[in-house]
Protein backbone atom coordinates (compact mmCIF):
# COMPACT_ATOMS: atom_id res chain seq x y z
CA MET A 1 -53.90 113.74 -112.32
CA LYS A 2 -52.30 111.93 -115.27
CA ASN A 3 -48.88 113.40 -114.37
CA LEU A 4 -49.31 112.34 -110.75
CA LYS A 5 -49.91 108.73 -111.82
CA ARG A 6 -46.87 108.79 -114.09
CA ALA A 7 -44.70 110.28 -111.35
CA SER A 8 -45.92 107.68 -108.84
CA PHE A 9 -45.25 104.86 -111.29
CA LEU A 10 -41.77 106.21 -112.02
CA ILE A 11 -40.93 106.44 -108.31
CA LEU A 12 -42.12 102.87 -107.69
CA LEU A 13 -40.15 101.61 -110.68
CA MET A 14 -36.99 103.36 -109.47
CA ALA A 15 -37.44 101.94 -105.95
CA PHE A 16 -37.80 98.43 -107.40
CA VAL A 17 -34.69 98.77 -109.55
CA ILE A 18 -32.63 100.12 -106.65
CA SER A 19 -33.78 97.36 -104.30
CA CYS A 20 -32.90 94.68 -106.87
CA ALA A 21 -29.47 96.23 -107.43
CA CYS A 22 -28.81 96.29 -103.70
CA MET A 23 -29.87 92.68 -103.25
CA LYS A 24 -27.50 91.55 -105.98
CA ASP A 25 -24.49 91.85 -103.63
CA LYS A 26 -26.20 90.26 -100.62
CA ASN A 27 -25.14 86.77 -101.67
CA THR A 28 -22.88 85.17 -99.08
CA ILE A 29 -21.05 81.86 -99.08
CA SER A 30 -19.04 80.18 -96.34
CA GLY A 31 -16.64 77.31 -96.61
CA LYS A 32 -13.08 76.05 -96.67
CA VAL A 33 -10.41 77.20 -99.13
CA GLU A 34 -9.34 74.15 -101.14
CA SER A 35 -6.88 75.78 -103.55
CA ILE A 36 -5.67 79.15 -104.81
CA GLU A 37 -4.64 80.22 -108.30
CA PHE A 38 -2.92 83.59 -108.56
CA GLY A 39 -3.59 85.85 -111.51
CA LYS A 40 -2.64 89.28 -112.78
CA ASP A 41 -4.92 91.42 -110.57
CA GLY A 42 -5.65 89.06 -107.69
CA TYR A 43 -6.47 85.39 -107.32
CA THR A 44 -9.18 82.76 -107.61
CA ALA A 45 -9.88 80.62 -104.55
CA LYS A 46 -11.71 77.33 -104.82
CA ILE A 47 -14.18 77.24 -101.90
CA ASN A 48 -15.91 74.06 -100.72
CA THR A 49 -19.04 74.93 -98.70
CA ASP A 50 -20.64 72.93 -95.88
CA LYS A 51 -23.19 71.64 -98.42
CA ASN A 52 -20.31 70.29 -100.59
CA GLU A 53 -20.88 72.96 -103.24
CA VAL A 54 -17.78 74.27 -104.99
CA TYR A 55 -17.48 77.99 -105.76
CA TYR A 56 -14.67 79.75 -107.57
CA ALA A 57 -14.17 83.03 -105.70
CA ILE A 58 -12.57 85.82 -107.72
CA ILE A 59 -10.78 88.14 -105.30
CA SER A 60 -9.04 91.35 -106.38
CA ILE A 61 -8.07 94.62 -104.69
CA VAL A 62 -10.40 96.62 -106.93
CA ASN A 63 -13.47 94.47 -106.26
CA VAL A 64 -13.11 94.48 -102.47
CA GLY A 65 -12.77 98.27 -102.32
CA GLY A 66 -9.04 98.82 -101.99
CA PRO A 67 -5.91 97.43 -100.32
CA GLN A 68 -7.29 98.00 -96.81
CA ASN A 69 -10.02 95.38 -97.45
CA TYR A 70 -7.88 92.91 -99.43
CA LYS A 71 -6.66 89.72 -97.74
CA LYS A 72 -4.63 86.85 -99.11
CA LEU A 73 -6.38 83.64 -98.22
CA LYS A 74 -4.49 80.39 -97.63
CA GLU A 75 -5.46 76.80 -98.28
CA GLY A 76 -7.37 75.47 -95.29
CA ASP A 77 -8.81 78.86 -94.23
CA GLU A 78 -12.48 78.88 -93.20
CA VAL A 79 -13.97 81.93 -94.92
CA SER A 80 -17.19 83.83 -95.39
CA LEU A 81 -17.44 85.87 -98.59
CA LYS A 82 -20.06 88.26 -99.92
CA GLY A 83 -20.47 89.19 -103.56
CA GLU A 84 -22.12 88.61 -106.90
CA ILE A 85 -22.84 84.95 -107.67
CA TRP A 86 -23.31 83.49 -111.13
CA LYS A 87 -23.39 79.96 -112.53
CA THR A 88 -22.14 78.39 -115.72
CA ASP A 89 -23.19 74.97 -116.97
CA THR A 90 -20.69 73.20 -114.73
CA GLU A 91 -19.34 75.76 -112.23
CA LYS A 92 -20.45 78.32 -109.65
CA HIS A 93 -18.56 81.61 -109.30
CA ILE A 94 -18.61 84.57 -106.93
CA LYS A 95 -17.04 87.95 -107.60
CA VAL A 96 -16.07 88.85 -104.04
CA LYS A 97 -17.10 92.35 -102.90
CA GLU A 98 -16.38 91.75 -99.20
CA ILE A 99 -14.27 89.29 -97.24
CA VAL A 100 -16.55 88.93 -94.22
CA SER A 101 -14.39 86.62 -92.10
CA VAL A 102 -11.27 84.43 -92.24
CA LYS A 103 -10.44 81.77 -89.61
């Protein structure tokens, strides 16, 4: 009985951890590309959302899953991006995992 409780607790804990890990990449932003700064492995696009929030989107071939998923955005593009969002004291960033749409 004691082992059954431990096993049940372990399964629930694993399910919770997996669900949290999956939700981490569900963050999506949409907005207009204001500027682009090219770097060594990709580029950083400054995105201004409809709510006038500014995000710095880090886009690289590795993070989007290979060259078949990589797109070079241009200033003025309307985009929707999915990835991992984090905030510093003054800026918001997103490590792009998927370029959902470009118009």
